[in-house]
PDB file of N, CA and C in Angstrom:
ATOM      1  N   MET A   1      -6.500  19.042   1.922  1.00  0.00           N
ATOM      2  CA  MET A   1      -6.885  18.292   3.096  1.00  0.00           C
ATOM      3  C   MET A   1      -8.241  18.810   3.539  1.00  0.00           C
ATOM      4  N   PHE A   2      -9.127  17.914   3.877  1.00  0.00           N
ATOM      5  CA  PHE A   2     -10.464  18.281   4.304  1.00  0.00           C
ATOM      6  C   PHE A   2     -10.612  18.079   5.806  1.00  0.00           C
ATOM      7  N   GLY A   3     -11.414  18.898   6.426  1.00  0.00           N
ATOM      8  CA  GLY A   3     -11.749  18.742   7.828  1.00  0.00           C
ATOM      9  C   GLY A   3     -13.230  18.469   7.953  1.00  0.00           C
ATOM     10  N   GLY A   4     -13.603  17.748   8.972  1.00  0.00           N
ATOM     11  CA  GLY A   4     -15.012  17.426   9.166  1.00  0.00           C
ATOM     12  C   GLY A   4     -15.178  16.488  10.337  1.00  0.00           C
ATOM     13  N   THR A   5     -16.385  16.033  10.527  1.00  0.00           N
ATOM     14  CA  THR A   5     -16.679  15.104  11.607  1.00  0.00           C
ATOM     15  C   THR A   5     -16.253  13.705  11.201  1.00  0.00           C
ATOM     16  N   ALA A   6     -15.540  13.033  12.072  1.00  0.00           N
ATOM     17  CA  ALA A   6     -15.100  11.668  11.781  1.00  0.00           C
ATOM     18  C   ALA A   6     -16.275  10.713  11.891  1.00  0.00           C
ATOM     19  N   ALA A   7     -16.399   9.851  10.920  1.00  0.00           N
ATOM     20  CA  ALA A   7     -17.474   8.866  10.922  1.00  0.00           C
ATOM     21  C   ALA A   7     -17.103   7.699  11.827  1.00  0.00           C
ATOM     22  N   GLN A   8     -18.115   7.045  12.375  1.00  0.00           N
ATOM     23  CA  GLN A   8     -17.918   5.830  13.161  1.00  0.00           C
ATOM     24  C   GLN A   8     -18.125   4.647  12.228  1.00  0.00           C
ATOM     25  N   PHE A   9     -17.165   3.758  12.197  1.00  0.00           N
ATOM     26  CA  PHE A   9     -17.225   2.587  11.327  1.00  0.00           C
ATOM     27  C   PHE A   9     -17.371   1.356  12.200  1.00  0.00           C
ATOM     28  N   ASN A  10     -18.434   0.597  12.009  1.00  0.00           N
ATOM     29  CA  ASN A  10     -18.683  -0.613  12.789  1.00  0.00           C
ATOM     30  C   ASN A  10     -18.779  -1.804  11.851  1.00  0.00           C
ATOM     31  N   GLN A  11     -18.127  -2.900  12.245  1.00  0.00           N
ATOM     32  CA  GLN A  11     -18.190  -4.120  11.452  1.00  0.00           C
ATOM     33  C   GLN A  11     -18.471  -5.289  12.383  1.00  0.00           C
ATOM     34  N   ASP A  12     -19.500  -6.068  12.060  1.00  0.00           N
ATOM     35  CA  ASP A  12     -19.909  -7.224  12.863  1.00  0.00           C
ATOM     36  C   ASP A  12     -19.610  -8.487  12.080  1.00  0.00           C
ATOM     37  N   LEU A  13     -18.662  -9.292  12.578  1.00  0.00           N
ATOM     38  CA  LEU A  13     -18.264 -10.524  11.919  1.00  0.00           C
ATOM     39  C   LEU A  13     -18.820 -11.753  12.615  1.00  0.00           C
ATOM     40  N   SER A  14     -19.730 -11.574  13.568  1.00  0.00           N
ATOM     41  CA  SER A  14     -20.210 -12.699  14.369  1.00  0.00           C
ATOM     42  C   SER A  14     -21.250 -13.548  13.646  1.00  0.00           C
ATOM     43  N   GLY A  15     -21.942 -13.030  12.669  1.00  0.00           N
ATOM     44  CA  GLY A  15     -22.981 -13.787  11.961  1.00  0.00           C
ATOM     45  C   GLY A  15     -22.420 -14.514  10.757  1.00  0.00           C
ATOM     46  N   LEU A  16     -23.308 -15.178  10.027  1.00  0.00           N
ATOM     47  CA  LEU A  16     -22.896 -15.875   8.813  1.00  0.00           C
ATOM     48  C   LEU A  16     -22.471 -14.900   7.716  1.00  0.00           C
ATOM     49  N   VAL A  17     -23.156 -13.763   7.656  1.00  0.00           N
ATOM     50  CA  VAL A  17     -22.817 -12.726   6.684  1.00  0.00           C
ATOM     51  C   VAL A  17     -22.354 -11.490   7.459  1.00  0.00           C
ATOM     52  N   PRO A  18     -21.124 -11.013   7.220  1.00  0.00           N
ATOM     53  CA  PRO A  18     -20.646  -9.822   7.926  1.00  0.00           C
ATOM     54  C   PRO A  18     -21.503  -8.601   7.601  1.00  0.00           C
ATOM     55  N   SER A  19     -21.683  -7.723   8.578  1.00  0.00           N
ATOM     56  CA  SER A  19     -22.427  -6.489   8.337  1.00  0.00           C
ATOM     57  C   SER A  19     -21.555  -5.296   8.705  1.00  0.00           C
ATOM     58  N   THR A  20     -21.773  -4.205   7.989  1.00  0.00           N
ATOM     59  CA  THR A  20     -20.988  -2.995   8.184  1.00  0.00           C
ATOM     60  C   THR A  20     -21.933  -1.820   8.341  1.00  0.00           C
ATOM     61  N   GLY A  21     -21.602  -0.917   9.265  1.00  0.00           N
ATOM     62  CA  GLY A  21     -22.401   0.277   9.462  1.00  0.00           C
ATOM     63  C   GLY A  21     -21.520   1.496   9.632  1.00  0.00           C
ATOM     64  N   ILE A  22     -21.959   2.606   9.072  1.00  0.00           N
ATOM     65  CA  ILE A  22     -21.249   3.876   9.211  1.00  0.00           C
ATOM     66  C   ILE A  22     -22.216   4.868   9.825  1.00  0.00           C
ATOM     67  N   GLY A  23     -21.813   5.511  10.920  1.00  0.00           N
ATOM     68  CA  GLY A  23     -22.675   6.465  11.596  1.00  0.00           C
ATOM     69  C   GLY A  23     -21.880   7.651  12.107  1.00  0.00           C
ATOM     70  N   GLY A  24     -22.564   8.572  12.740  1.00  0.00           N
ATOM     71  CA  GLY A  24     -21.901   9.727  13.322  1.00  0.00           C
ATOM     72  C   GLY A  24     -21.824  10.931  12.407  1.00  0.00           C
ATOM     73  N   THR A  25     -22.030  10.731  11.101  1.00  0.00           N
ATOM     74  CA  THR A  25     -22.011  11.831  10.150  1.00  0.00           C
ATOM     75  C   THR A  25     -22.706  11.388   8.875  1.00  0.00           C
ATOM     76  N   ASP A  26     -23.185  12.327   8.106  1.00  0.00           N
ATOM     77  CA  ASP A  26     -23.812  12.031   6.828  1.00  0.00           C
ATOM     78  C   ASP A  26     -22.758  12.181   5.744  1.00  0.00           C
ATOM     79  N   LEU A  27     -22.285  11.042   5.209  1.00  0.00           N
ATOM     80  CA  LEU A  27     -21.219  11.081   4.219  1.00  0.00           C
ATOM     81  C   LEU A  27     -21.685  11.617   2.873  1.00  0.00           C
ATOM     82  N   LEU A  28     -22.986  11.736   2.661  1.00  0.00           N
ATOM     83  CA  LEU A  28     -23.500  12.240   1.394  1.00  0.00           C
ATOM     84  C   LEU A  28     -23.752  13.748   1.411  1.00  0.00           C
ATOM     85  N   ASN A  29     -23.557  14.393   2.546  1.00  0.00           N
ATOM     86  CA  ASN A  29     -23.803  15.828   2.666  1.00  0.00           C
ATOM     87  C   ASN A  29     -22.482  16.586   2.494  1.00  0.00           C
ATOM     88  N   PRO A  30     -22.311  17.336   1.403  1.00  0.00           N
ATOM     89  CA  PRO A  30     -21.059  18.062   1.182  1.00  0.00           C
ATOM     90  C   PRO A  30     -20.763  19.111   2.256  1.00  0.00           C
ATOM     91  N   ALA A  31     -21.776  19.572   2.971  1.00  0.00           N
ATOM     92  CA  ALA A  31     -21.547  20.570   4.020  1.00  0.00           C
ATOM     93  C   ALA A  31     -20.745  19.999   5.184  1.00  0.00           C
ATOM     94  N   ASN A  32     -20.681  18.676   5.301  1.00  0.00           N
ATOM     95  CA  ASN A  32     -19.916  18.047   6.376  1.00  0.00           C
ATOM     96  C   ASN A  32     -18.423  17.992   6.087  1.00  0.00           C
ATOM     97  N   PHE A  33     -18.020  18.372   4.882  1.00  0.00           N
ATOM     98  CA  PHE A  33     -16.609  18.376   4.511  1.00  0.00           C
ATOM     99  C   PHE A  33     -16.168  19.806   4.256  1.00  0.00           C
ATOM    100  N   GLN A  34     -15.123  20.228   4.939  1.00  0.00           N
ATOM    101  CA  GLN A  34     -14.634  21.592   4.816  1.00  0.00           C
ATOM    102  C   GLN A  34     -13.173  21.563   4.421  1.00  0.00           C
ATOM    103  N   TYR A  35     -12.788  22.479   3.537  1.00  0.00           N
ATOM    104  CA  TYR A  35     -11.387  22.620   3.149  1.00  0.00           C
ATOM    105  C   TYR A  35     -10.611  23.129   4.351  1.00  0.00           C
ATOM    106  N   ALA A  36      -9.572  22.406   4.760  1.00  0.00           N
ATOM    107  CA  ALA A  36      -8.805  22.792   5.941  1.00  0.00           C
ATOM    108  C   ALA A  36      -7.416  23.295   5.574  1.00  0.00           C
ATOM    109  N   SER A  37      -6.714  22.605   4.652  1.00  0.00           N
ATOM    110  CA  SER A  37      -5.370  23.037   4.283  1.00  0.00           C
ATOM    111  C   SER A  37      -4.906  22.281   3.050  1.00  0.00           C
ATOM    112  N   LEU A  38      -3.777  22.701   2.510  1.00  0.00           N
ATOM    113  CA  LEU A  38      -3.172  22.069   1.355  1.00  0.00           C
ATOM    114  C   LEU A  38      -1.715  21.798   1.686  1.00  0.00           C
ATOM    115  N   VAL A  39      -1.257  20.572   1.428  1.00  0.00           N
ATOM    116  CA  VAL A  39       0.138  20.205   1.672  1.00  0.00           C
ATOM    117  C   VAL A  39       0.683  19.623   0.376  1.00  0.00           C
ATOM    118  N   TYR A  40       1.871  20.037  -0.014  1.00  0.00           N
ATOM    119  CA  TYR A  40       2.456  19.496  -1.224  1.00  0.00           C
ATOM    120  C   TYR A  40       3.960  19.336  -1.048  1.00  0.00           C
ATOM    121  N   ARG A  41       4.555  18.527  -1.916  1.00  0.00           N
ATOM    122  CA  ARG A  41       5.996  18.264  -1.874  1.00  0.00           C
ATOM    123  C   ARG A  41       6.677  19.041  -2.995  1.00  0.00           C
ATOM    124  N   THR A  42       7.867  19.545  -2.700  1.00  0.00           N
ATOM    125  CA  THR A  42       8.637  20.238  -3.724  1.00  0.00           C
ATOM    126  C   THR A  42       9.629  19.312  -4.401  1.00  0.00           C
ATOM    127  N   ARG A  43       9.906  18.154  -3.819  1.00  0.00           N
ATOM    128  CA  ARG A  43      10.832  17.188  -4.396  1.00  0.00           C
ATOM    129  C   ARG A  43      10.147  15.831  -4.495  1.00  0.00           C
ATOM    130  N   PRO A  44      10.350  15.125  -5.587  1.00  0.00           N
ATOM    131  CA  PRO A  44       9.724  13.802  -5.709  1.00  0.00           C
ATOM    132  C   PRO A  44      10.478  12.761  -4.878  1.00  0.00           C
ATOM    133  N   PHE A  45       9.794  11.688  -4.569  1.00  0.00           N
ATOM    134  CA  PHE A  45      10.461  10.558  -3.938  1.00  0.00           C
ATOM    135  C   PHE A  45      11.399   9.934  -4.969  1.00  0.00           C
ATOM    136  N   GLU A  46      12.525   9.414  -4.517  1.00  0.00           N
ATOM    137  CA  GLU A  46      13.484   8.793  -5.419  1.00  0.00           C
ATOM    138  C   GLU A  46      13.748   7.367  -4.980  1.00  0.00           C
ATOM    139  N   GLY A  47      14.045   6.496  -5.916  1.00  0.00           N
ATOM    140  CA  GLY A  47      14.375   5.130  -5.583  1.00  0.00           C
ATOM    141  C   GLY A  47      14.859   4.376  -6.800  1.00  0.00           C
ATOM    142  N   ASP A  48      15.530   3.260  -6.564  1.00  0.00           N
ATOM    143  CA  ASP A  48      15.952   2.394  -7.645  1.00  0.00           C
ATOM    144  C   ASP A  48      15.893   0.945  -7.174  1.00  0.00           C
ATOM    145  N   LEU A  49      15.799   0.047  -8.133  1.00  0.00           N
ATOM    146  CA  LEU A  49      15.666  -1.369  -7.856  1.00  0.00           C
ATOM    147  C   LEU A  49      16.528  -2.136  -8.840  1.00  0.00           C
ATOM    148  N   SER A  50      17.404  -3.013  -8.306  1.00  0.00           N
ATOM    149  CA  SER A  50      18.230  -3.889  -9.131  1.00  0.00           C
ATOM    150  C   SER A  50      17.851  -5.326  -8.820  1.00  0.00           C
ATOM    151  N   THR A  51      17.613  -6.120  -9.851  1.00  0.00           N
ATOM    152  CA  THR A  51      17.229  -7.518  -9.648  1.00  0.00           C
ATOM    153  C   THR A  51      17.980  -8.424 -10.605  1.00  0.00           C
ATOM    154  N   ALA A  52      18.124  -9.679 -10.191  1.00  0.00           N
ATOM    155  CA  ALA A  52      18.695 -10.721 -11.041  1.00  0.00           C
ATOM    156  C   ALA A  52      18.059 -12.042 -10.638  1.00  0.00           C
ATOM    157  N   GLN A  53      17.835 -12.900 -11.623  1.00  0.00           N
ATOM    158  CA  GLN A  53      17.238 -14.199 -11.345  1.00  0.00           C
ATOM    159  C   GLN A  53      17.917 -15.245 -12.216  1.00  0.00           C
ATOM    160  N   LEU A  54      18.202 -16.407 -11.616  1.00  0.00           N
ATOM    161  CA  LEU A  54      18.829 -17.514 -12.312  1.00  0.00           C
ATOM    162  C   LEU A  54      18.088 -18.778 -11.934  1.00  0.00           C
ATOM    163  N   ASP A  55      17.597 -19.499 -12.919  1.00  0.00           N
ATOM    164  CA  ASP A  55      16.875 -20.748 -12.694  1.00  0.00           C
ATOM    165  C   ASP A  55      17.560 -21.859 -13.471  1.00  0.00           C
ATOM    166  N   GLY A  56      17.466 -23.075 -12.934  1.00  0.00           N
ATOM    167  CA  GLY A  56      18.058 -24.212 -13.626  1.00  0.00           C
ATOM    168  C   GLY A  56      17.327 -25.505 -13.319  1.00  0.00           C
ATOM    169  N   ASP A  57      17.366 -26.410 -14.282  1.00  0.00           N
ATOM    170  CA  ASP A  57      16.796 -27.756 -14.142  1.00  0.00           C
ATOM    171  C   ASP A  57      17.879 -28.762 -14.503  1.00  0.00           C
ATOM    172  N   TYR A  58      17.908 -29.842 -13.755  1.00  0.00           N
ATOM    173  CA  TYR A  58      18.850 -30.918 -14.043  1.00  0.00           C
ATOM    174  C   TYR A  58      18.062 -32.218 -14.119  1.00  0.00           C
ATOM    175  N   GLU A  59      18.122 -32.886 -15.274  1.00  0.00           N
ATOM    176  CA  GLU A  59      17.410 -34.139 -15.497  1.00  0.00           C
ATOM    177  C   GLU A  59      18.277 -35.297 -15.005  1.00  0.00           C
ATOM    178  N   LEU A  60      17.695 -36.154 -14.180  1.00  0.00           N
ATOM    179  CA  LEU A  60      18.380 -37.342 -13.685  1.00  0.00           C
ATOM    180  C   LEU A  60      17.933 -38.550 -14.506  1.00  0.00           C
ATOM    181  N   SER A  61      18.815 -39.496 -14.689  1.00  0.00           N
ATOM    182  CA  SER A  61      18.459 -40.687 -15.462  1.00  0.00           C
ATOM    183  C   SER A  61      18.077 -41.819 -14.508  1.00  0.00           C
ATOM    184  N   GLY A  62      16.825 -42.283 -14.617  1.00  0.00           N
ATOM    185  CA  GLY A  62      16.346 -43.405 -13.806  1.00  0.00           C
ATOM    186  C   GLY A  62      16.124 -43.020 -12.359  1.00  0.00           C
ATOM    187  N   GLY A  63      15.582 -43.929 -11.589  1.00  0.00           N
ATOM    188  CA  GLY A  63      15.381 -43.713 -10.171  1.00  0.00           C
ATOM    189  C   GLY A  63      14.058 -43.032  -9.859  1.00  0.00           C
ATOM    190  N   PHE A  64      13.814 -42.829  -8.583  1.00  0.00           N
ATOM    191  CA  PHE A  64      12.571 -42.240  -8.090  1.00  0.00           C
ATOM    192  C   PHE A  64      12.481 -40.755  -8.429  1.00  0.00           C
ATOM    193  N   ILE A  65      13.591 -40.024  -8.287  1.00  0.00           N
ATOM    194  CA  ILE A  65      13.629 -38.586  -8.597  1.00  0.00           C
ATOM    195  C   ILE A  65      14.061 -38.416 -10.042  1.00  0.00           C
ATOM    196  N   LYS A  66      13.215 -37.763 -10.839  1.00  0.00           N
ATOM    197  CA  LYS A  66      13.474 -37.621 -12.271  1.00  0.00           C
ATOM    198  C   LYS A  66      14.251 -36.348 -12.609  1.00  0.00           C
ATOM    199  N   SER A  67      14.054 -35.266 -11.801  1.00  0.00           N
ATOM    200  CA  SER A  67      14.766 -34.021 -12.084  1.00  0.00           C
ATOM    201  C   SER A  67      14.898 -33.195 -10.808  1.00  0.00           C
ATOM    202  N   ILE A  68      15.843 -32.268 -10.852  1.00  0.00           N
ATOM    203  CA  ILE A  68      16.072 -31.330  -9.745  1.00  0.00           C
ATOM    204  C   ILE A  68      15.993 -29.924 -10.330  1.00  0.00           C
ATOM    205  N   SER A  69      15.223 -29.070  -9.678  1.00  0.00           N
ATOM    206  CA  SER A  69      15.102 -27.673 -10.093  1.00  0.00           C
ATOM    207  C   SER A  69      15.623 -26.784  -8.974  1.00  0.00           C
ATOM    208  N   ALA A  70      16.335 -25.725  -9.339  1.00  0.00           N
ATOM    209  CA  ALA A  70      16.859 -24.788  -8.356  1.00  0.00           C
ATOM    210  C   ALA A  70      16.818 -23.386  -8.953  1.00  0.00           C
ATOM    211  N   GLY A  71      16.784 -22.421  -8.085  1.00  0.00           N
ATOM    212  CA  GLY A  71      16.775 -21.049  -8.547  1.00  0.00           C
ATOM    213  C   GLY A  71      17.385 -20.110  -7.526  1.00  0.00           C
ATOM    214  N   PHE A  72      17.794 -18.964  -7.993  1.00  0.00           N
ATOM    215  CA  PHE A  72      18.378 -17.927  -7.148  1.00  0.00           C
ATOM    216  C   PHE A  72      17.816 -16.586  -7.598  1.00  0.00           C
ATOM    217  N   CYS A  73      17.419 -15.794  -6.635  1.00  0.00           N
ATOM    218  CA  CYS A  73      16.890 -14.469  -6.942  1.00  0.00           C
ATOM    219  C   CYS A  73      17.589 -13.447  -6.051  1.00  0.00           C
ATOM    220  N   TYR A  74      18.007 -12.346  -6.627  1.00  0.00           N
ATOM    221  CA  TYR A  74      18.678 -11.277  -5.889  1.00  0.00           C
ATOM    222  C   TYR A  74      17.932  -9.978  -6.172  1.00  0.00           C
ATOM    223  N   ALA A  75      17.681  -9.203  -5.125  1.00  0.00           N
ATOM    224  CA  ALA A  75      17.028  -7.909  -5.297  1.00  0.00           C
ATOM    225  C   ALA A  75      17.645  -6.904  -4.330  1.00  0.00           C
ATOM    226  N   LYS A  76      17.918  -5.727  -4.825  1.00  0.00           N
ATOM    227  CA  LYS A  76      18.442  -4.644  -3.988  1.00  0.00           C
ATOM    228  C   LYS A  76      17.600  -3.405  -4.266  1.00  0.00           C
ATOM    229  N   HIS A  77      16.984  -2.882  -3.213  1.00  0.00           N
ATOM    230  CA  HIS A  77      16.105  -1.716  -3.345  1.00  0.00           C
ATOM    231  C   HIS A  77      16.682  -0.577  -2.526  1.00  0.00           C
ATOM    232  N   ASN A  78      16.709   0.592  -3.101  1.00  0.00           N
ATOM    233  CA  ASN A  78      17.214   1.781  -2.414  1.00  0.00           C
ATOM    234  C   ASN A  78      16.190   2.893  -2.619  1.00  0.00           C
ATOM    235  N   ALA A  79      15.811   3.561  -1.545  1.00  0.00           N
ATOM    236  CA  ALA A  79      14.831   4.641  -1.653  1.00  0.00           C
ATOM    237  C   ALA A  79      15.266   5.819  -0.796  1.00  0.00           C
ATOM    238  N   GLY A  80      14.896   6.990  -1.226  1.00  0.00           N
ATOM    239  CA  GLY A  80      15.223   8.198  -0.486  1.00  0.00           C
ATOM    240  C   GLY A  80      13.996   9.069  -0.311  1.00  0.00           C
ATOM    241  N   ASN A  81      13.985   9.813   0.759  1.00  0.00           N
ATOM    242  CA  ASN A  81      12.890  10.740   1.038  1.00  0.00           C
ATOM    243  C   ASN A  81      13.513  12.036   1.524  1.00  0.00           C
ATOM    244  N   ASP A  82      14.000  12.814   0.573  1.00  0.00           N
ATOM    245  CA  ASP A  82      14.620  14.090   0.923  1.00  0.00           C
ATOM    246  C   ASP A  82      13.585  15.038   1.505  1.00  0.00           C
ATOM    247  N   PRO A  83      14.019  15.900   2.402  1.00  0.00           N
ATOM    248  CA  PRO A  83      13.076  16.896   2.918  1.00  0.00           C
ATOM    249  C   PRO A  83      12.563  17.764   1.767  1.00  0.00           C
ATOM    250  N   GLY A  84      11.393  18.232   1.903  1.00  0.00           N
ATOM    251  CA  GLY A  84      10.825  19.065   0.871  1.00  0.00           C
ATOM    252  C   GLY A  84       9.341  19.259   1.087  1.00  0.00           C
ATOM    253  N   LEU A  85       8.863  18.847   2.242  1.00  0.00           N
ATOM    254  CA  LEU A  85       7.446  19.005   2.544  1.00  0.00           C
ATOM    255  C   LEU A  85       7.195  20.453   2.957  1.00  0.00           C
ATOM    256  N   ILE A  86       6.277  21.070   2.286  1.00  0.00           N
ATOM    257  CA  ILE A  86       5.924  22.461   2.585  1.00  0.00           C
ATOM    258  C   ILE A  86       4.825  22.461   3.651  1.00  0.00           C
ATOM    259  N   LEU A  87       4.902  23.404   4.544  1.00  0.00           N
ATOM    260  CA  LEU A  87       3.891  23.509   5.600  1.00  0.00           C
ATOM    261  C   LEU A  87       2.524  23.752   4.998  1.00  0.00           C
ATOM    262  N   PRO A  88       1.480  23.312   5.700  1.00  0.00           N
ATOM    263  CA  PRO A  88       0.118  23.480   5.169  1.00  0.00           C
ATOM    264  C   PRO A  88      -0.220  24.936   4.888  1.00  0.00           C
ATOM    265  N   ILE A  89      -0.977  25.121   3.826  1.00  0.00           N
ATOM    266  CA  ILE A  89      -1.512  26.434   3.479  1.00  0.00           C
ATOM    267  C   ILE A  89      -2.971  26.447   3.940  1.00  0.00           C
ATOM    268  N   ARG A  90      -3.288  27.325   4.844  1.00  0.00           N
ATOM    269  CA  ARG A  90      -4.641  27.397   5.404  1.00  0.00           C
ATOM    270  C   ARG A  90      -5.444  28.446   4.649  1.00  0.00           C
ATOM    271  N   PRO A  91      -6.752  28.192   4.457  1.00  0.00           N
ATOM    272  CA  PRO A  91      -7.579  29.173   3.742  1.00  0.00           C
ATOM    273  C   PRO A  91      -7.808  30.432   4.557  1.00  0.00           C
TER     274      PRO A  91
END
């Protein structure tokens, strides 16, 4: 994790062409970025995803409507975020 001066981000959408400006710090000067701490996880994120899809077409004979299409989609997502975040290590 780095520490430093926060830049000011300005965006003007009032004209025909949007303009963007960044001020308050020199983003090209490495001295403006300082190592502040390191944070890491001891356990990975876990999750699983189950899906199923069924599609069908039915052709009609004659008339204004020639065919009918239908489909069904099922999805189940499960995710976990076990504790395991280690406190920051400061230099």
